[in-house]
Amino acid sequence: MIIMGVGISFSTLQDTTKTQNKMSRKIWESPKKGKIVIFILAFMVLLFIGIGLIGYFSANNNRFKDLSIGITILGVGIIGFLKSAIEMFENHRKDKNTTANII
């Protein structure tokens, strides 16, 4: 879990001005779909960090505490992914990125 969290946090290093595939382009160009994905990611962050912290402070077994630490770090890693998703949404929105806005 810890390695997954660190790996996901490296997604912030990607170039947010480019999309990787057609599906991500469809999501980030649509204001409605983009907001839904950002909401889901924010919910996942709260869920993972919340479950991780509750599990850490209520667990009696060291294995469960280790698992809870991993879940918490996974939530922190998704925060970095959420930051990249917000930047992708701002860069690719069709309703905000028109040629009239470019001077």
PDB file of N, CA and C in Angstrom:
ATOM      1  N   MET A   1       0.816  -1.189   0.000  1.00  0.00           N
ATOM      2  CA  MET A   1       0.000   0.000   0.000  1.00  0.00           C
ATOM      3  C   MET A   1       0.867   1.263   0.000  1.00  0.00           C
ATOM      4  N   ILE A   2       1.925   1.227   0.762  1.00  0.00           N
ATOM      5  CA  ILE A   2       2.793   2.396   0.829  1.00  0.00           C
ATOM      6  C   ILE A   2       3.421   2.665  -0.536  1.00  0.00           C
ATOM      7  N   ILE A   3       3.873   1.603  -1.192  1.00  0.00           N
ATOM      8  CA  ILE A   3       4.500   1.765  -2.505  1.00  0.00           C
ATOM      9  C   ILE A   3       3.476   2.243  -3.528  1.00  0.00           C
ATOM     10  N   MET A   4       2.240   1.769  -3.423  1.00  0.00           N
ATOM     11  CA  MET A   4       1.187   2.246  -4.324  1.00  0.00           C
ATOM     12  C   MET A   4       0.935   3.741  -4.115  1.00  0.00           C
ATOM     13  N   GLY A   5       0.903   4.175  -2.859  1.00  0.00           N
ATOM     14  CA  GLY A   5       0.693   5.589  -2.568  1.00  0.00           C
ATOM     15  C   GLY A   5       1.803   6.460  -3.113  1.00  0.00           C
ATOM     16  N   VAL A   6       3.027   6.009  -2.960  1.00  0.00           N
ATOM     17  CA  VAL A   6       4.164   6.770  -3.485  1.00  0.00           C
ATOM     18  C   VAL A   6       4.134   6.774  -5.015  1.00  0.00           C
ATOM     19  N   GLY A   7       3.791   5.643  -5.605  1.00  0.00           N
ATOM     20  CA  GLY A   7       3.707   5.568  -7.068  1.00  0.00           C
ATOM     21  C   GLY A   7       2.629   6.475  -7.626  1.00  0.00           C
ATOM     22  N   ILE A   8       1.491   6.514  -6.974  1.00  0.00           N
ATOM     23  CA  ILE A   8       0.408   7.391  -7.433  1.00  0.00           C
ATOM     24  C   ILE A   8       0.796   8.855  -7.266  1.00  0.00           C
ATOM     25  N   SER A   9       1.524   9.167  -6.212  1.00  0.00           N
ATOM     26  CA  SER A   9       1.925  10.567  -6.016  1.00  0.00           C
ATOM     27  C   SER A   9       2.897  11.035  -7.101  1.00  0.00           C
ATOM     28  N   PHE A  10       3.611  10.106  -7.746  1.00  0.00           N
ATOM     29  CA  PHE A  10       4.484  10.481  -8.851  1.00  0.00           C
ATOM     30  C   PHE A  10       3.705  10.897 -10.092  1.00  0.00           C
ATOM     31  N   SER A  11       2.407  10.664 -10.109  1.00  0.00           N
ATOM     32  CA  SER A  11       1.598  11.076 -11.258  1.00  0.00           C
ATOM     33  C   SER A  11       1.529  12.594 -11.374  1.00  0.00           C
ATOM     34  N   THR A  12       1.908  13.307 -10.325  1.00  0.00           N
ATOM     35  CA  THR A  12       1.929  14.765 -10.404  1.00  0.00           C
ATOM     36  C   THR A  12       3.049  15.267 -11.302  1.00  0.00           C
ATOM     37  N   LEU A  13       3.971  14.397 -11.664  1.00  0.00           N
ATOM     38  CA  LEU A  13       5.084  14.798 -12.522  1.00  0.00           C
ATOM     39  C   LEU A  13       4.723  14.786 -14.002  1.00  0.00           C
ATOM     40  N   GLN A  14       3.533  14.299 -14.334  1.00  0.00           N
ATOM     41  CA  GLN A  14       3.148  14.232 -15.742  1.00  0.00           C
ATOM     42  C   GLN A  14       2.841  15.614 -16.296  1.00  0.00           C
ATOM     43  N   ASP A  15       2.865  15.717 -17.604  1.00  0.00           N
ATOM     44  CA  ASP A  15       2.543  16.964 -18.286  1.00  0.00           C
ATOM     45  C   ASP A  15       1.027  17.089 -18.365  1.00  0.00           C
ATOM     46  N   THR A  16       0.464  18.051 -17.655  1.00  0.00           N
ATOM     47  CA  THR A  16      -0.987  18.177 -17.594  1.00  0.00           C
ATOM     48  C   THR A  16      -1.572  18.928 -18.787  1.00  0.00           C
ATOM     49  N   THR A  17      -0.724  19.371 -19.697  1.00  0.00           N
ATOM     50  CA  THR A  17      -1.250  20.042 -20.891  1.00  0.00           C
ATOM     51  C   THR A  17      -1.573  19.050 -21.996  1.00  0.00           C
ATOM     52  N   LYS A  18      -1.216  17.778 -21.817  1.00  0.00           N
ATOM     53  CA  LYS A  18      -1.481  16.749 -22.823  1.00  0.00           C
ATOM     54  C   LYS A  18      -2.319  15.637 -22.199  1.00  0.00           C
ATOM     55  N   THR A  19      -3.196  15.054 -23.024  1.00  0.00           N
ATOM     56  CA  THR A  19      -3.946  13.891 -22.567  1.00  0.00           C
ATOM     57  C   THR A  19      -3.276  12.634 -23.093  1.00  0.00           C
ATOM     58  N   GLN A  20      -3.468  11.538 -22.376  1.00  0.00           N
ATOM     59  CA  GLN A  20      -2.796  10.304 -22.749  1.00  0.00           C
ATOM     60  C   GLN A  20      -3.597   9.481 -23.750  1.00  0.00           C
ATOM     61  N   ASN A  21      -4.920   9.584 -23.713  1.00  0.00           N
ATOM     62  CA  ASN A  21      -5.746   8.768 -24.606  1.00  0.00           C
ATOM     63  C   ASN A  21      -7.082   9.464 -24.864  1.00  0.00           C
ATOM     64  N   LYS A  22      -7.900   8.845 -25.722  1.00  0.00           N
ATOM     65  CA  LYS A  22      -9.173   9.449 -26.116  1.00  0.00           C
ATOM     66  C   LYS A  22     -10.156   9.517 -24.957  1.00  0.00           C
ATOM     67  N   MET A  23     -10.143   8.503 -24.102  1.00  0.00           N
ATOM     68  CA  MET A  23     -11.082   8.501 -22.987  1.00  0.00           C
ATOM     69  C   MET A  23     -10.795   9.652 -22.025  1.00  0.00           C
ATOM     70  N   SER A  24      -9.536   9.880 -21.692  1.00  0.00           N
ATOM     71  CA  SER A  24      -9.215  10.980 -20.788  1.00  0.00           C
ATOM     72  C   SER A  24      -9.510  12.326 -21.445  1.00  0.00           C
ATOM     73  N   ARG A  25      -9.333  12.431 -22.759  1.00  0.00           N
ATOM     74  CA  ARG A  25      -9.670  13.666 -23.454  1.00  0.00           C
ATOM     75  C   ARG A  25     -11.173  13.947 -23.354  1.00  0.00           C
ATOM     76  N   LYS A  26     -11.987  12.909 -23.528  1.00  0.00           N
ATOM     77  CA  LYS A  26     -13.439  13.081 -23.420  1.00  0.00           C
ATOM     78  C   LYS A  26     -13.845  13.503 -22.015  1.00  0.00           C
ATOM     79  N   ILE A  27     -13.185  12.964 -21.014  1.00  0.00           N
ATOM     80  CA  ILE A  27     -13.523  13.307 -19.632  1.00  0.00           C
ATOM     81  C   ILE A  27     -13.128  14.738 -19.323  1.00  0.00           C
ATOM     82  N   TRP A  28     -11.904  15.138 -19.653  1.00  0.00           N
ATOM     83  CA  TRP A  28     -11.422  16.448 -19.237  1.00  0.00           C
ATOM     84  C   TRP A  28     -11.952  17.575 -20.102  1.00  0.00           C
ATOM     85  N   GLU A  29     -12.432  17.295 -21.309  1.00  0.00           N
ATOM     86  CA  GLU A  29     -13.021  18.354 -22.128  1.00  0.00           C
ATOM     87  C   GLU A  29     -14.453  18.659 -21.728  1.00  0.00           C
ATOM     88  N   SER A  30     -15.128  17.729 -21.113  1.00  0.00           N
ATOM     89  CA  SER A  30     -16.508  17.918 -20.690  1.00  0.00           C
ATOM     90  C   SER A  30     -16.542  18.484 -19.272  1.00  0.00           C
ATOM     91  N   PRO A  31     -17.173  19.638 -19.066  1.00  0.00           N
ATOM     92  CA  PRO A  31     -17.228  20.206 -17.716  1.00  0.00           C
ATOM     93  C   PRO A  31     -17.957  19.302 -16.716  1.00  0.00           C
ATOM     94  N   LYS A  32     -19.012  18.648 -17.168  1.00  0.00           N
ATOM     95  CA  LYS A  32     -19.788  17.792 -16.268  1.00  0.00           C
ATOM     96  C   LYS A  32     -19.005  16.550 -15.861  1.00  0.00           C
ATOM     97  N   LYS A  33     -18.410  15.863 -16.836  1.00  0.00           N
ATOM     98  CA  LYS A  33     -17.652  14.649 -16.542  1.00  0.00           C
ATOM     99  C   LYS A  33     -16.411  14.952 -15.706  1.00  0.00           C
ATOM    100  N   GLY A  34     -15.747  16.063 -16.010  1.00  0.00           N
ATOM    101  CA  GLY A  34     -14.562  16.443 -15.255  1.00  0.00           C
ATOM    102  C   GLY A  34     -14.866  16.710 -13.794  1.00  0.00           C
ATOM    103  N   LYS A  35     -15.978  17.399 -13.536  1.00  0.00           N
ATOM    104  CA  LYS A  35     -16.368  17.676 -12.148  1.00  0.00           C
ATOM    105  C   LYS A  35     -16.716  16.393 -11.409  1.00  0.00           C
ATOM    106  N   ILE A  36     -17.352  15.453 -12.111  1.00  0.00           N
ATOM    107  CA  ILE A  36     -17.696  14.178 -11.480  1.00  0.00           C
ATOM    108  C   ILE A  36     -16.430  13.415 -11.085  1.00  0.00           C
ATOM    109  N   VAL A  37     -15.447  13.357 -11.983  1.00  0.00           N
ATOM    110  CA  VAL A  37     -14.203  12.641 -11.698  1.00  0.00           C
ATOM    111  C   VAL A  37     -13.449  13.307 -10.549  1.00  0.00           C
ATOM    112  N   ILE A  38     -13.411  14.622 -10.522  1.00  0.00           N
ATOM    113  CA  ILE A  38     -12.736  15.330  -9.428  1.00  0.00           C
ATOM    114  C   ILE A  38     -13.449  15.075  -8.107  1.00  0.00           C
ATOM    115  N   PHE A  39     -14.778  15.056  -8.132  1.00  0.00           N
ATOM    116  CA  PHE A  39     -15.532  14.755  -6.914  1.00  0.00           C
ATOM    117  C   PHE A  39     -15.240  13.334  -6.434  1.00  0.00           C
ATOM    118  N   ILE A  40     -15.188  12.376  -7.347  1.00  0.00           N
ATOM    119  CA  ILE A  40     -14.898  10.983  -6.970  1.00  0.00           C
ATOM    120  C   ILE A  40     -13.501  10.870  -6.364  1.00  0.00           C
ATOM    121  N   LEU A  41     -12.526  11.544  -6.971  1.00  0.00           N
ATOM    122  CA  LEU A  41     -11.164  11.500  -6.420  1.00  0.00           C
ATOM    123  C   LEU A  41     -11.096  12.139  -5.034  1.00  0.00           C
ATOM    124  N   ALA A  42     -11.796  13.258  -4.851  1.00  0.00           N
ATOM    125  CA  ALA A  42     -11.803  13.912  -3.534  1.00  0.00           C
ATOM    126  C   ALA A  42     -12.467  13.009  -2.495  1.00  0.00           C
ATOM    127  N   PHE A  43     -13.541  12.332  -2.901  1.00  0.00           N
ATOM    128  CA  PHE A  43     -14.207  11.396  -1.992  1.00  0.00           C
ATOM    129  C   PHE A  43     -13.275  10.240  -1.633  1.00  0.00           C
ATOM    130  N   MET A  44     -12.531   9.741  -2.620  1.00  0.00           N
ATOM    131  CA  MET A  44     -11.582   8.656  -2.359  1.00  0.00           C
ATOM    132  C   MET A  44     -10.496   9.093  -1.379  1.00  0.00           C
ATOM    133  N   VAL A  45     -10.018  10.330  -1.517  1.00  0.00           N
ATOM    134  CA  VAL A  45      -9.003  10.843  -0.591  1.00  0.00           C
ATOM    135  C   VAL A  45      -9.548  10.842   0.829  1.00  0.00           C
ATOM    136  N   LEU A  46     -10.738  11.406   1.003  1.00  0.00           N
ATOM    137  CA  LEU A  46     -11.333  11.454   2.338  1.00  0.00           C
ATOM    138  C   LEU A  46     -11.594  10.050   2.884  1.00  0.00           C
ATOM    139  N   LEU A  47     -12.052   9.155   2.018  1.00  0.00           N
ATOM    140  CA  LEU A  47     -12.348   7.792   2.445  1.00  0.00           C
ATOM    141  C   LEU A  47     -11.085   7.064   2.893  1.00  0.00           C
ATOM    142  N   PHE A  48     -10.037   7.092   2.069  1.00  0.00           N
ATOM    143  CA  PHE A  48      -8.816   6.371   2.412  1.00  0.00           C
ATOM    144  C   PHE A  48      -8.135   6.953   3.646  1.00  0.00           C
ATOM    145  N   ILE A  49      -8.037   8.272   3.716  1.00  0.00           N
ATOM    146  CA  ILE A  49      -7.391   8.870   4.887  1.00  0.00           C
ATOM    147  C   ILE A  49      -8.229   8.631   6.135  1.00  0.00           C
ATOM    148  N   GLY A  50      -9.536   8.766   6.012  1.00  0.00           N
ATOM    149  CA  GLY A  50     -10.416   8.527   7.161  1.00  0.00           C
ATOM    150  C   GLY A  50     -10.349   7.096   7.651  1.00  0.00           C
ATOM    151  N   ILE A  51     -10.457   6.134   6.735  1.00  0.00           N
ATOM    152  CA  ILE A  51     -10.384   4.714   7.127  1.00  0.00           C
ATOM    153  C   ILE A  51      -9.005   4.398   7.707  1.00  0.00           C
ATOM    154  N   GLY A  52      -7.967   4.958   7.095  1.00  0.00           N
ATOM    155  CA  GLY A  52      -6.621   4.704   7.600  1.00  0.00           C
ATOM    156  C   GLY A  52      -6.402   5.228   9.000  1.00  0.00           C
ATOM    157  N   LEU A  53      -6.859   6.429   9.268  1.00  0.00           N
ATOM    158  CA  LEU A  53      -6.671   7.007  10.609  1.00  0.00           C
ATOM    159  C   LEU A  53      -7.536   6.318  11.654  1.00  0.00           C
ATOM    160  N   ILE A  54      -8.779   6.029  11.290  1.00  0.00           N
ATOM    161  CA  ILE A  54      -9.646   5.308  12.227  1.00  0.00           C
ATOM    162  C   ILE A  54      -9.071   3.924  12.519  1.00  0.00           C
ATOM    163  N   GLY A  55      -8.608   3.246  11.484  1.00  0.00           N
ATOM    164  CA  GLY A  55      -8.016   1.930  11.671  1.00  0.00           C
ATOM    165  C   GLY A  55      -6.755   1.966  12.512  1.00  0.00           C
ATOM    166  N   TYR A  56      -5.947   2.996  12.315  1.00  0.00           N
ATOM    167  CA  TYR A  56      -4.692   3.085  13.068  1.00  0.00           C
ATOM    168  C   TYR A  56      -4.948   3.302  14.556  1.00  0.00           C
ATOM    169  N   PHE A  57      -5.878   4.185  14.880  1.00  0.00           N
ATOM    170  CA  PHE A  57      -6.108   4.500  16.289  1.00  0.00           C
ATOM    171  C   PHE A  57      -7.009   3.491  16.996  1.00  0.00           C
ATOM    172  N   SER A  58      -7.722   2.663  16.248  1.00  0.00           N
ATOM    173  CA  SER A  58      -8.593   1.687  16.909  1.00  0.00           C
ATOM    174  C   SER A  58      -8.049   0.261  16.835  1.00  0.00           C
ATOM    175  N   ALA A  59      -6.971   0.016  16.118  1.00  0.00           N
ATOM    176  CA  ALA A  59      -6.445  -1.340  15.964  1.00  0.00           C
ATOM    177  C   ALA A  59      -5.604  -1.729  17.167  1.00  0.00           C
ATOM    178  N   ASN A  60      -5.766  -2.987  17.564  1.00  0.00           N
ATOM    179  CA  ASN A  60      -4.954  -3.525  18.653  1.00  0.00           C
ATOM    180  C   ASN A  60      -3.795  -4.352  18.124  1.00  0.00           C
ATOM    181  N   ASN A  61      -3.918  -4.812  16.902  1.00  0.00           N
ATOM    182  CA  ASN A  61      -2.916  -5.669  16.286  1.00  0.00           C
ATOM    183  C   ASN A  61      -1.948  -4.804  15.461  1.00  0.00           C
ATOM    184  N   ASN A  62      -0.661  -5.136  15.513  1.00  0.00           N
ATOM    185  CA  ASN A  62       0.331  -4.366  14.764  1.00  0.00           C
ATOM    186  C   ASN A  62       0.159  -4.509  13.258  1.00  0.00           C
ATOM    187  N   ARG A  63      -0.336  -5.653  12.794  1.00  0.00           N
ATOM    188  CA  ARG A  63      -0.557  -5.844  11.362  1.00  0.00           C
ATOM    189  C   ARG A  63      -1.640  -4.902  10.846  1.00  0.00           C
ATOM    190  N   PHE A  64      -2.685  -4.737  11.637  1.00  0.00           N
ATOM    191  CA  PHE A  64      -3.745  -3.813  11.234  1.00  0.00           C
ATOM    192  C   PHE A  64      -3.260  -2.362  11.264  1.00  0.00           C
ATOM    193  N   LYS A  65      -2.383  -2.055  12.211  1.00  0.00           N
ATOM    194  CA  LYS A  65      -1.810  -0.699  12.247  1.00  0.00           C
ATOM    195  C   LYS A  65      -0.953  -0.451  11.011  1.00  0.00           C
ATOM    196  N   ASP A  66      -0.182  -1.441  10.604  1.00  0.00           N
ATOM    197  CA  ASP A  66       0.639  -1.299   9.398  1.00  0.00           C
ATOM    198  C   ASP A  66      -0.237  -1.137   8.159  1.00  0.00           C
ATOM    199  N   LEU A  67      -1.305  -1.906   8.080  1.00  0.00           N
ATOM    200  CA  LEU A  67      -2.233  -1.787   6.969  1.00  0.00           C
ATOM    201  C   LEU A  67      -2.883  -0.405   6.965  1.00  0.00           C
ATOM    202  N   SER A  68      -3.220   0.099   8.137  1.00  0.00           N
ATOM    203  CA  SER A  68      -3.844   1.421   8.235  1.00  0.00           C
ATOM    204  C   SER A  68      -2.884   2.530   7.803  1.00  0.00           C
ATOM    205  N   ILE A  69      -1.622   2.383   8.133  1.00  0.00           N
ATOM    206  CA  ILE A  69      -0.621   3.353   7.682  1.00  0.00           C
ATOM    207  C   ILE A  69      -0.535   3.330   6.160  1.00  0.00           C
ATOM    208  N   GLY A  70      -0.541   2.137   5.576  1.00  0.00           N
ATOM    209  CA  GLY A  70      -0.507   2.020   4.118  1.00  0.00           C
ATOM    210  C   GLY A  70      -1.719   2.649   3.461  1.00  0.00           C
ATOM    211  N   ILE A  71      -2.899   2.447   4.028  1.00  0.00           N
ATOM    212  CA  ILE A  71      -4.115   3.044   3.473  1.00  0.00           C
ATOM    213  C   ILE A  71      -4.059   4.563   3.575  1.00  0.00           C
ATOM    214  N   THR A  72      -3.540   5.074   4.682  1.00  0.00           N
ATOM    215  CA  THR A  72      -3.415   6.525   4.845  1.00  0.00           C
ATOM    216  C   THR A  72      -2.448   7.105   3.812  1.00  0.00           C
ATOM    217  N   ILE A  73      -1.328   6.450   3.591  1.00  0.00           N
ATOM    218  CA  ILE A  73      -0.360   6.934   2.611  1.00  0.00           C
ATOM    219  C   ILE A  73      -0.927   6.834   1.201  1.00  0.00           C
ATOM    220  N   LEU A  74      -1.724   5.813   0.936  1.00  0.00           N
ATOM    221  CA  LEU A  74      -2.408   5.724  -0.351  1.00  0.00           C
ATOM    222  C   LEU A  74      -3.332   6.926  -0.546  1.00  0.00           C
ATOM    223  N   GLY A  75      -4.038   7.339   0.498  1.00  0.00           N
ATOM    224  CA  GLY A  75      -4.881   8.536   0.424  1.00  0.00           C
ATOM    225  C   GLY A  75      -4.071   9.793   0.168  1.00  0.00           C
ATOM    226  N   VAL A  76      -2.917   9.902   0.798  1.00  0.00           N
ATOM    227  CA  VAL A  76      -2.047  11.055   0.566  1.00  0.00           C
ATOM    228  C   VAL A  76      -1.526  11.050  -0.871  1.00  0.00           C
ATOM    229  N   GLY A  77      -1.227   9.883  -1.400  1.00  0.00           N
ATOM    230  CA  GLY A  77      -0.783   9.783  -2.790  1.00  0.00           C
ATOM    231  C   GLY A  77      -1.869  10.199  -3.756  1.00  0.00           C
ATOM    232  N   ILE A  78      -3.111   9.883  -3.425  1.00  0.00           N
ATOM    233  CA  ILE A  78      -4.218  10.265  -4.287  1.00  0.00           C
ATOM    234  C   ILE A  78      -4.439  11.783  -4.246  1.00  0.00           C
ATOM    235  N   ILE A  79      -3.996  12.441  -3.182  1.00  0.00           N
ATOM    236  CA  ILE A  79      -4.061  13.914  -3.147  1.00  0.00           C
ATOM    237  C   ILE A  79      -3.229  14.488  -4.292  1.00  0.00           C
ATOM    238  N   GLY A  80      -2.040  13.943  -4.521  1.00  0.00           N
ATOM    239  CA  GLY A  80      -1.209  14.390  -5.644  1.00  0.00           C
ATOM    240  C   GLY A  80      -1.883  14.135  -6.973  1.00  0.00           C
ATOM    241  N   PHE A  81      -2.547  12.973  -7.092  1.00  0.00           N
ATOM    242  CA  PHE A  81      -3.270  12.654  -8.315  1.00  0.00           C
ATOM    243  C   PHE A  81      -4.453  13.601  -8.499  1.00  0.00           C
ATOM    244  N   LEU A  82      -5.101  13.968  -7.401  1.00  0.00           N
ATOM    245  CA  LEU A  82      -6.210  14.926  -7.460  1.00  0.00           C
ATOM    246  C   LEU A  82      -5.729  16.286  -7.945  1.00  0.00           C
ATOM    247  N   LYS A  83      -4.554  16.699  -7.495  1.00  0.00           N
ATOM    248  CA  LYS A  83      -3.973  17.965  -7.961  1.00  0.00           C
ATOM    249  C   LYS A  83      -3.733  17.931  -9.467  1.00  0.00           C
ATOM    250  N   SER A  84      -3.208  16.836  -9.961  1.00  0.00           N
ATOM    251  CA  SER A  84      -2.988  16.705 -11.406  1.00  0.00           C
ATOM    252  C   SER A  84      -4.310  16.683 -12.163  1.00  0.00           C
ATOM    253  N   ALA A  85      -5.313  16.038 -11.603  1.00  0.00           N
ATOM    254  CA  ALA A  85      -6.623  15.978 -12.253  1.00  0.00           C
ATOM    255  C   ALA A  85      -7.242  17.364 -12.352  1.00  0.00           C
ATOM    256  N   ILE A  86      -7.099  18.170 -11.320  1.00  0.00           N
ATOM    257  CA  ILE A  86      -7.638  19.535 -11.353  1.00  0.00           C
ATOM    258  C   ILE A  86      -6.923  20.361 -12.417  1.00  0.00           C
ATOM    259  N   GLU A  87      -5.602  20.210 -12.514  1.00  0.00           N
ATOM    260  CA  GLU A  87      -4.850  20.929 -13.544  1.00  0.00           C
ATOM    261  C   GLU A  87      -5.242  20.469 -14.946  1.00  0.00           C
ATOM    262  N   MET A  88      -5.439  19.161 -15.128  1.00  0.00           N
ATOM    263  CA  MET A  88      -5.869  18.642 -16.435  1.00  0.00           C
ATOM    264  C   MET A  88      -7.235  19.211 -16.789  1.00  0.00           C
ATOM    265  N   PHE A  89      -8.116  19.272 -15.818  1.00  0.00           N
ATOM    266  CA  PHE A  89      -9.464  19.798 -16.050  1.00  0.00           C
ATOM    267  C   PHE A  89      -9.407  21.264 -16.453  1.00  0.00           C
ATOM    268  N   GLU A  90      -8.552  22.037 -15.804  1.00  0.00           N
ATOM    269  CA  GLU A  90      -8.418  23.457 -16.149  1.00  0.00           C
ATOM    270  C   GLU A  90      -7.797  23.647 -17.526  1.00  0.00           C
ATOM    271  N   ASN A  91      -6.866  22.785 -17.906  1.00  0.00           N
ATOM    272  CA  ASN A  91      -6.183  22.937 -19.188  1.00  0.00           C
ATOM    273  C   ASN A  91      -7.001  22.480 -20.385  1.00  0.00           C
ATOM    274  N   HIS A  92      -7.942  21.557 -20.192  1.00  0.00           N
ATOM    275  CA  HIS A  92      -8.609  20.937 -21.330  1.00  0.00           C
ATOM    276  C   HIS A  92     -10.090  21.251 -21.447  1.00  0.00           C
ATOM    277  N   ARG A  93     -10.639  22.053 -20.576  1.00  0.00           N
ATOM    278  CA  ARG A  93     -12.077  22.346 -20.638  1.00  0.00           C
ATOM    279  C   ARG A  93     -12.435  23.043 -21.935  1.00  0.00           C
ATOM    280  N   LYS A  94     -13.478  22.549 -22.584  1.00  0.00           N
ATOM    281  CA  LYS A  94     -13.930  23.165 -23.839  1.00  0.00           C
ATOM    282  C   LYS A  94     -14.640  24.485 -23.590  1.00  0.00           C
ATOM    283  N   ASP A  95     -15.368  24.614 -22.473  1.00  0.00           N
ATOM    284  CA  ASP A  95     -16.125  25.837 -22.228  1.00  0.00           C
ATOM    285  C   ASP A  95     -15.243  27.001 -21.788  1.00  0.00           C
ATOM    286  N   LYS A  96     -14.055  26.740 -21.270  1.00  0.00           N
ATOM    287  CA  LYS A  96     -13.147  27.812 -20.838  1.00  0.00           C
ATOM    288  C   LYS A  96     -12.036  28.081 -21.845  1.00  0.00           C
ATOM    289  N   ASN A  97     -11.620  27.075 -22.588  1.00  0.00           N
ATOM    290  CA  ASN A  97     -10.493  27.199 -23.500  1.00  0.00           C
ATOM    291  C   ASN A  97     -10.986  27.428 -24.927  1.00  0.00           C
ATOM    292  N   THR A  98     -11.353  28.636 -25.222  1.00  0.00           N
ATOM    293  CA  THR A  98     -11.745  28.977 -26.579  1.00  0.00           C
ATOM    294  C   THR A  98     -10.713  29.934 -27.148  1.00  0.00           C
ATOM    295  N   THR A  99     -10.738  30.127 -28.441  1.00  0.00           N
ATOM    296  CA  THR A  99      -9.761  31.020 -29.068  1.00  0.00           C
ATOM    297  C   THR A  99     -10.043  32.471 -28.736  1.00  0.00           C
ATOM    298  N   ALA A 100     -11.241  32.800 -28.251  1.00  0.00           N
ATOM    299  CA  ALA A 100     -11.549  34.166 -27.877  1.00  0.00           C
ATOM    300  C   ALA A 100     -10.813  34.580 -26.607  1.00  0.00           C
ATOM    301  N   ASN A 101     -10.468  33.581 -25.753  1.00  0.00           N
ATOM    302  CA  ASN A 101      -9.766  33.883 -24.517  1.00  0.00           C
ATOM    303  C   ASN A 101      -8.270  34.089 -24.727  1.00  0.00           C
ATOM    304  N   ILE A 102      -7.755  33.646 -25.838  1.00  0.00           N
ATOM    305  CA  ILE A 102      -6.322  33.778 -26.119  1.00  0.00           C
ATOM    306  C   ILE A 102      -6.059  35.135 -26.768  1.00  0.00           C
ATOM    307  N   ILE A 103      -5.165  35.888 -26.167  1.00  0.00           N
ATOM    308  CA  ILE A 103      -4.872  37.229 -26.699  1.00  0.00           C
ATOM    309  C   ILE A 103      -3.556  37.208 -27.423  1.00  0.00           C
TER     310      ILE A 103
END
